[in-house]
Protein backbone atom coordinates (compact mmCIF):
# COMPACT_ATOMS: atom_id res chain seq x y z
CA UNK A 1 90.78 -51.68 -7.10
CA UNK A 2 89.13 -54.92 -7.32
CA UNK A 3 87.46 -55.76 -10.78
CA UNK A 4 84.55 -57.79 -9.26
CA UNK A 5 82.65 -59.29 -6.18
CA UNK A 6 80.53 -56.16 -5.45
CA UNK A 7 77.21 -57.23 -6.65
CA UNK A 8 74.93 -54.32 -7.24
CA UNK A 9 71.21 -53.38 -7.79
CA UNK A 10 71.48 -51.10 -11.11
CA UNK A 11 68.71 -49.26 -12.55
CA UNK A 12 69.31 -48.81 -16.16
CA UNK A 13 65.90 -47.17 -17.20
CA UNK A 14 62.46 -47.14 -16.37
CA UNK A 15 61.25 -50.61 -15.34
CA UNK A 16 64.68 -52.02 -16.08
CA UNK A 17 66.45 -53.19 -12.68
CA UNK A 18 69.49 -55.36 -13.11
CA UNK A 19 72.08 -57.22 -10.84
CA UNK A 20 75.59 -57.00 -11.97
CA UNK A 21 79.11 -57.04 -10.52
CA UNK A 22 80.82 -54.00 -10.23
CA UNK A 23 84.41 -53.03 -9.04
CA UNK A 24 84.74 -52.79 -5.32
CA UNK A 25 85.96 -49.21 -4.71
CA UNK A 26 88.64 -47.87 -2.66
CA UNK A 27 88.31 -45.13 0.06
CA UNK A 28 89.89 -41.86 -0.54
CA UNK A 29 90.92 -39.05 2.02
CA UNK A 30 88.22 -38.87 4.55
CA UNK A 31 86.41 -41.86 3.38
CA UNK A 32 85.74 -45.26 4.47
CA UNK A 33 84.87 -48.60 2.55
CA UNK A 34 81.73 -50.22 3.94
CA UNK A 35 80.28 -53.65 3.62
CA UNK A 36 76.78 -53.04 3.35
CA UNK A 37 74.49 -55.11 5.48
CA UNK A 38 70.74 -53.47 5.41
CA UNK A 39 69.18 -51.39 2.97
CA UNK A 40 65.48 -50.43 3.13
CA UNK A 41 63.47 -49.85 -0.11
CA UNK A 42 62.46 -46.18 -0.02
CA UNK A 43 59.44 -44.73 -2.07
CA UNK A 44 61.80 -42.49 -4.16
CA UNK A 45 63.72 -45.90 -5.08
CA UNK A 46 60.36 -47.39 -6.43
CA UNK A 47 59.39 -44.10 -8.05
CA UNK A 48 62.78 -43.87 -10.04
CA UNK A 49 62.17 -47.77 -11.06
CA UNK A 50 58.48 -47.10 -12.20
CA UNK A 51 58.87 -43.69 -13.81
CA UNK A 52 62.61 -43.17 -14.35
CA UNK A 53 62.62 -39.97 -12.68
CA UNK A 54 61.48 -37.58 -10.08
CA UNK A 55 60.89 -34.17 -10.98
CA UNK A 56 63.87 -32.70 -12.67
CA UNK A 57 66.32 -35.85 -11.51
CA UNK A 58 66.05 -38.16 -14.61
CA UNK A 59 67.82 -41.40 -14.73
CA UNK A 60 70.00 -40.81 -18.02
CA UNK A 61 72.61 -43.51 -17.18
CA UNK A 62 72.82 -46.78 -15.23
CA UNK A 63 72.51 -46.10 -11.41
CA UNK A 64 72.69 -48.00 -8.45
CA UNK A 65 69.50 -47.67 -6.15
CA UNK A 66 69.48 -47.33 -2.30
CA UNK A 67 70.17 -44.93 0.41
CA UNK A 68 68.81 -46.16 3.66
CA UNK A 69 71.60 -48.21 4.81
CA UNK A 70 74.13 -49.75 7.30
CA UNK A 71 77.09 -51.71 7.37
CA UNK A 72 80.50 -52.52 8.56
CA UNK A 73 83.53 -50.40 8.17
CA UNK A 74 86.31 -52.50 6.38
CA UNK A 75 88.86 -50.13 5.22
CA UNK A 76 89.69 -46.80 6.38
CA UNK A 77 90.91 -43.92 4.25
CA UNK A 78 93.62 -41.59 5.16
CA UNK A 79 92.79 -38.89 7.56
CA UNK A 80 89.93 -40.90 9.32
CA UNK A 81 90.29 -41.35 13.07
CA UNK A 82 87.08 -41.71 14.65
CA UNK A 83 86.14 -45.01 12.61
CA UNK A 84 88.26 -48.37 12.40
CA UNK A 85 87.48 -51.53 10.64
CA UNK A 86 84.74 -53.57 12.31
CA UNK A 87 82.69 -50.59 13.43
CA UNK A 88 79.03 -50.96 12.72
CA UNK A 89 77.64 -47.74 11.18
CA UNK A 90 74.69 -46.24 9.71
CA UNK A 91 75.30 -44.10 6.69
CA UNK A 92 73.60 -40.46 6.05
CA UNK A 93 73.23 -40.52 2.37
CA UNK A 94 73.66 -36.97 1.50
CA UNK A 95 77.22 -35.47 1.51
CA UNK A 96 77.26 -31.55 1.00
CA UNK A 97 79.94 -29.39 -0.09
CA UNK A 98 80.47 -27.94 3.36
CA UNK A 99 81.37 -24.42 2.24
CA UNK A 100 78.24 -23.07 0.71
CA UNK A 101 75.94 -20.38 2.72
CA UNK A 102 73.65 -23.22 3.43
CA UNK A 103 76.45 -25.45 4.56
CA UNK A 104 77.94 -22.95 6.96
CA UNK A 105 74.32 -21.97 8.35
CA UNK A 106 73.81 -25.84 9.36
CA UNK A 107 71.00 -26.30 6.83
CA UNK A 108 73.01 -28.57 4.63
CA UNK A 109 70.24 -30.23 3.03
CA UNK A 110 69.72 -27.37 1.09
CA UNK A 111 73.02 -27.37 -0.43
CA UNK A 112 72.90 -27.00 -4.11
CA UNK A 113 75.89 -29.16 -4.63
CA UNK A 114 74.89 -32.17 -2.28
CA UNK A 115 75.85 -35.46 -3.43
CA UNK A 116 72.67 -37.78 -2.37
CA UNK A 117 72.79 -41.39 -2.95
CA UNK A 118 70.30 -42.95 -5.45
CA UNK A 119 69.57 -39.26 -6.83
CA UNK A 120 70.87 -39.23 -10.54
CA UNK A 121 73.35 -39.06 -11.40
CA UNK A 122 74.79 -40.40 -8.16
CA UNK A 123 74.85 -44.14 -7.48
CA UNK A 124 73.26 -45.41 -4.24
CA UNK A 125 74.43 -48.24 -2.05
CA UNK A 126 72.27 -51.28 -2.71
CA UNK A 127 75.47 -53.08 -3.06
CA UNK A 128 77.76 -55.40 -1.59
CA UNK A 129 80.57 -52.72 -0.78
CA UNK A 130 80.31 -48.71 -0.82
CA UNK A 131 82.80 -46.11 -0.30
CA UNK A 132 81.46 -43.06 1.81
CA UNK A 133 82.40 -39.93 3.48
CA UNK A 134 83.51 -40.91 7.19
CA UNK A 135 81.89 -37.71 8.71
CA UNK A 136 78.52 -38.81 7.43
CA UNK A 137 78.79 -42.37 9.20
CA UNK A 138 77.52 -42.98 12.82
CA UNK A 139 78.68 -45.60 14.71
CA UNK A 140 75.89 -47.90 15.93
CA UNK A 141 75.91 -49.31 19.73
CA UNK A 142 76.09 -52.94 20.11
CA UNK A 143 72.23 -53.18 20.65
CA UNK A 144 71.12 -51.34 17.70
CA UNK A 145 70.73 -53.81 15.03
CA UNK A 146 71.81 -52.95 11.28
CA UNK A 147 68.04 -52.80 10.44
CA UNK A 148 67.52 -50.17 12.95
CA UNK A 149 70.61 -48.45 11.59
CA UNK A 150 69.01 -48.65 8.08
CA UNK A 151 65.81 -46.95 9.33
CA UNK A 152 67.72 -44.06 10.78
CA UNK A 153 67.10 -42.64 7.56
CA UNK A 154 63.38 -42.58 7.28
CA UNK A 155 63.48 -41.52 10.92
CA UNK A 156 65.59 -38.57 10.24
CA UNK A 157 62.77 -37.42 7.81
CA UNK A 158 60.50 -37.43 10.74
CA UNK A 159 62.93 -35.62 12.99
CA UNK A 160 63.44 -32.83 10.63
CA UNK A 161 59.74 -32.59 10.00
CA UNK A 162 58.67 -32.49 13.68
CA UNK A 163 61.63 -29.92 14.49
CA UNK A 164 60.18 -27.79 11.46
CA UNK A 165 56.55 -28.30 12.88
CA UNK A 166 57.87 -27.10 16.40
CA UNK A 167 56.21 -30.14 18.17
CA UNK A 168 56.30 -30.08 21.86
CA UNK A 169 54.84 -31.29 25.08
CA UNK A 170 51.25 -31.18 25.09
CA UNK A 171 50.46 -30.88 21.43
CA UNK A 172 47.96 -32.64 19.35
CA UNK A 173 48.94 -33.79 16.13
CA UNK A 174 47.45 -35.10 12.90
CA UNK A 175 49.41 -37.36 10.69
CA UNK A 176 47.97 -37.76 7.26
CA UNK A 177 49.26 -41.03 5.64
CA UNK A 178 50.39 -44.11 7.54
CA UNK A 179 53.23 -45.23 5.18
CA UNK A 180 56.90 -45.70 6.56
CA UNK A 181 57.23 -41.86 6.85
CA UNK A 182 53.91 -41.45 8.40
CA UNK A 183 54.56 -44.03 10.93
CA UNK A 184 57.99 -42.84 12.06
CA UNK A 185 56.38 -39.49 12.13
CA UNK A 186 53.93 -40.71 14.64
CA UNK A 187 56.64 -42.33 17.16
CA UNK A 188 58.71 -39.11 16.64
CA UNK A 189 55.86 -36.80 17.28
CA UNK A 190 55.03 -38.88 20.34
CA UNK A 191 58.90 -38.74 21.47
CA UNK A 192 58.85 -34.98 21.34
CA UNK A 193 55.72 -34.55 23.72
CA UNK A 194 52.76 -34.97 21.70
CA UNK A 195 49.87 -36.34 24.06
CA UNK A 196 47.50 -37.33 21.24
CA UNK A 197 48.18 -38.35 17.56
CA UNK A 198 45.57 -39.03 15.13
CA UNK A 199 46.83 -40.97 12.02
CA UNK A 200 44.81 -41.14 8.85
CA UNK A 201 45.01 -43.45 5.71
CA UNK A 202 42.83 -45.19 3.09
CA UNK A 203 44.34 -48.64 4.08
CA UNK A 204 43.01 -50.45 7.24
CA UNK A 205 46.00 -52.65 7.44
CA UNK A 206 48.47 -49.61 7.65
CA UNK A 207 46.23 -47.83 10.30
CA UNK A 208 46.46 -51.21 12.47
CA UNK A 209 49.91 -50.78 12.51
CA UNK A 210 49.74 -47.03 13.44
CA UNK A 211 47.61 -47.90 16.29
CA UNK A 212 50.06 -50.76 17.18
CA UNK A 213 52.93 -48.08 17.11
CA UNK A 214 51.26 -45.43 19.54
CA UNK A 215 48.60 -43.65 17.53
CA UNK A 216 45.90 -42.71 20.15
CA UNK A 217 43.34 -42.38 17.16
CA UNK A 218 43.10 -43.71 13.68
CA UNK A 219 40.94 -42.48 11.03
CA UNK A 220 40.07 -44.27 7.69
CA UNK A 221 39.76 -41.79 4.92
CA UNK A 222 36.60 -42.10 2.61
CA UNK A 223 37.72 -40.85 -0.84
CA UNK A 224 33.95 -40.15 -1.47
CA UNK A 225 33.56 -37.57 1.20
CA UNK A 226 34.61 -33.87 0.52
CA UNK A 227 37.89 -32.53 2.05
CA UNK A 228 35.92 -30.11 4.31
CA UNK A 229 33.53 -32.66 5.75
CA UNK A 230 36.44 -35.20 6.31
CA UNK A 231 38.64 -32.70 8.45
CA UNK A 232 35.28 -31.95 10.35
CA UNK A 233 35.10 -35.74 11.11
CA UNK A 234 38.97 -35.88 11.91
CA UNK A 235 38.29 -33.04 14.61
CA UNK A 236 35.18 -34.66 16.29
CA UNK A 237 37.34 -37.89 16.32
CA UNK A 238 40.34 -36.11 17.94
CA UNK A 239 38.01 -33.92 20.12
CA UNK A 240 39.68 -30.71 19.05
CA UNK A 241 41.56 -28.78 16.21
CA UNK A 242 45.28 -30.59 16.16
CA UNK A 243 47.78 -27.93 16.67
CA UNK A 244 50.30 -29.70 14.10
CA UNK A 245 49.49 -31.44 10.77
CA UNK A 246 52.21 -33.52 9.42
CA UNK A 247 51.12 -34.28 5.84
CA UNK A 248 52.91 -37.29 4.48
CA UNK A 249 50.86 -38.69 1.40
CA UNK A 250 51.55 -35.70 -0.87
CA UNK A 251 47.68 -36.13 -2.16
CA UNK A 252 45.87 -32.99 -3.21
CA UNK A 253 42.80 -34.08 -1.21
CA UNK A 254 45.00 -34.67 1.94
CA UNK A 255 46.47 -31.52 1.83
CA UNK A 256 43.13 -29.72 1.48
CA UNK A 257 42.06 -31.78 4.55
CA UNK A 258 45.21 -30.83 6.60
CA UNK A 259 44.54 -27.22 5.90
CA UNK A 260 41.06 -27.18 7.12
CA UNK A 261 41.57 -29.72 10.15
CA UNK A 262 44.77 -27.66 11.52
CA UNK A 263 43.99 -25.66 14.38
CA UNK A 264 43.98 -21.63 13.79
CA UNK A 265 47.52 -20.20 14.62
CA UNK A 266 49.03 -23.78 14.06
CA UNK A 267 51.19 -25.21 11.56
CA UNK A 268 51.08 -27.90 8.66
CA UNK A 269 54.31 -29.24 7.37
CA UNK A 270 54.62 -31.04 3.90
CA UNK A 271 56.47 -34.03 3.90
CA UNK A 272 54.66 -36.10 1.16
CA UNK A 273 55.44 -34.79 -2.31
CA UNK A 274 52.68 -35.37 -5.09
CA UNK A 275 51.96 -33.40 -8.23
CA UNK A 276 54.02 -30.34 -8.68
CA UNK A 277 51.12 -28.34 -8.56
CA UNK A 278 47.87 -28.70 -6.48
CA UNK A 279 44.83 -26.75 -5.59
CA UNK A 280 44.55 -25.76 -1.86
CA UNK A 281 42.23 -23.57 0.30
CA UNK A 282 45.11 -20.83 0.77
CA UNK A 283 42.55 -18.34 1.88
CA UNK A 284 41.29 -20.48 4.59
CA UNK A 285 45.04 -21.10 5.89
CA UNK A 286 45.83 -17.39 5.38
CA UNK A 287 42.95 -15.76 7.45
CA UNK A 288 43.53 -18.33 10.21
CA UNK A 289 47.27 -18.04 10.21
CA UNK A 290 47.80 -21.73 9.43
CA UNK A 291 51.60 -21.77 8.68
CA UNK A 292 52.47 -24.09 5.93
CA UNK A 293 55.91 -25.35 5.95
CA UNK A 294 57.93 -27.44 3.62
CA UNK A 295 60.77 -29.80 4.38
CA UNK A 296 63.54 -31.15 2.08
CA UNK A 297 65.36 -34.25 3.54
CA UNK A 298 67.02 -33.37 6.82
CA UNK A 299 70.06 -31.87 8.46
CA UNK A 300 71.73 -32.69 11.68
CA UNK A 301 69.11 -35.35 12.55
CA UNK A 302 71.25 -38.44 12.59
CA UNK A 303 72.73 -38.10 16.04
CA UNK A 304 69.20 -37.44 17.59
CA UNK A 305 67.63 -40.23 15.74
CA UNK A 306 70.20 -42.66 16.68
CA UNK A 307 69.82 -41.60 20.46
CA UNK A 308 65.89 -42.11 19.94
CA UNK A 309 66.34 -45.72 18.96
CA UNK A 310 69.26 -46.53 21.22
CA UNK A 311 67.41 -45.31 24.35
CA UNK A 312 64.16 -46.98 23.44
CA UNK A 313 62.45 -43.81 22.98
CA UNK A 314 61.28 -45.31 19.64
CA UNK A 315 60.69 -48.70 18.46
CA UNK A 316 61.27 -49.12 14.64
CA UNK A 317 61.08 -52.94 14.55
CA UNK A 318 57.43 -53.20 13.57
CA UNK A 319 58.08 -51.11 10.40
CA UNK A 320 59.85 -53.96 8.54
CA UNK A 321 57.45 -56.51 7.17
CA UNK A 322 59.42 -58.25 4.39
CA UNK A 323 63.06 -59.37 4.02
CA UNK A 324 64.80 -60.28 0.80
CA UNK A 325 68.78 -60.97 -0.19
CA UNK A 326 70.41 -58.61 -2.48
CA UNK A 327 70.22 -61.45 -5.19
CA UNK A 328 66.14 -61.07 -5.00
CA UNK A 329 66.16 -57.36 -5.22
CA UNK A 330 63.58 -57.60 -8.09
CA UNK A 331 61.30 -59.35 -6.18
CA UNK A 332 61.98 -57.02 -3.03
CA UNK A 333 61.16 -54.01 -5.47
CA UNK A 334 57.94 -55.52 -6.77
CA UNK A 335 56.69 -56.16 -3.18
CA UNK A 336 57.35 -52.70 -2.51
CA UNK A 337 55.78 -51.41 -5.39
CA UNK A 338 52.75 -53.27 -5.01
CA UNK A 339 52.30 -53.45 -1.25
CA UNK A 340 51.95 -57.16 -1.68
CA UNK A 341 51.22 -59.03 1.66
CA UNK A 342 50.58 -55.74 3.64
CA UNK A 343 54.15 -54.41 2.84
CA UNK A 344 55.26 -51.44 4.85
CA UNK A 345 58.88 -51.44 4.99
CA UNK A 346 61.06 -53.93 2.79
CA UNK A 347 64.48 -54.68 3.88
CA UNK A 348 67.22 -56.11 1.55
CA UNK A 349 70.40 -57.85 3.18
CA UNK A 350 73.32 -57.30 1.32
CA UNK A 351 75.77 -59.50 2.90
CA UNK A 352 77.19 -62.54 0.59
CA UNK A 353 75.85 -65.69 1.43
CA UNK A 354 77.84 -67.96 3.67
CA UNK A 355 80.23 -70.43 1.56
């Protein structure tokens, strides 16, 4: 094992992000060593930096951030036959136990022992080199960029959400929130057959990106308007009640609006996570048989997400608004935190500078 040369962005505590050299790890059986190329900053990374915790996951020891990633295989561990040095890959960040009831049922995202990158105490891969389970690495076609490979992670969230919502040809869909997850949910819903998609947000610049990425309708939320009236306005803008609502903000008001707006007998999927306890019009949902479904990360989505990008069914390139080097990670996180310059997805390049 090398003793240096592995620059890493390490979160020590709330608000304390440092760059430090760590040892270059060696792959074990069934693993590969990857030279990380691109890492997108996720909202959860920012949440850990700002708050030091997400729910029960608390940063108690130094932890490398980052889990939206791609790179190049440099060393192959024992038993790995489907990858070789030089292969460009996207990394699915969660490695489950593979043997519990959830794993055996194909719902490995619910595995109680899953090791998910940048979720305490597991290190992420905002680093030069990272060892990963080979069977959770997906080879990228030559025409798919490293940045697109990194974006397969948020796209997988959208694929899982739209599957849970049973979106199909002819559906009309409401997406609450036009941040990165809302935008990938937009393109996924359309790829799965949605004929109309209305996207809401409080920020005009994000709604403009949603329109650019294919939203048939956009709607700016006025926080001063009550949620039921807001829902009525959304329905009028769309022309009828949406069959499905994909809630991506986690805001209590948005959850309420989503329930009121969803067609009777329809589905609302909870993607965004806000306060642990919220007030929602549950009777309204119950008497109209609006199904409320949660999602947690994703399972068996990376092949689909990769096929969507590789085939041109979705275009993720407009998501990336800002780029930084690994050395400028602190600046990158500040941009992601503040949304400066209309930031949507901030991408960090982890390759060492050319000598």
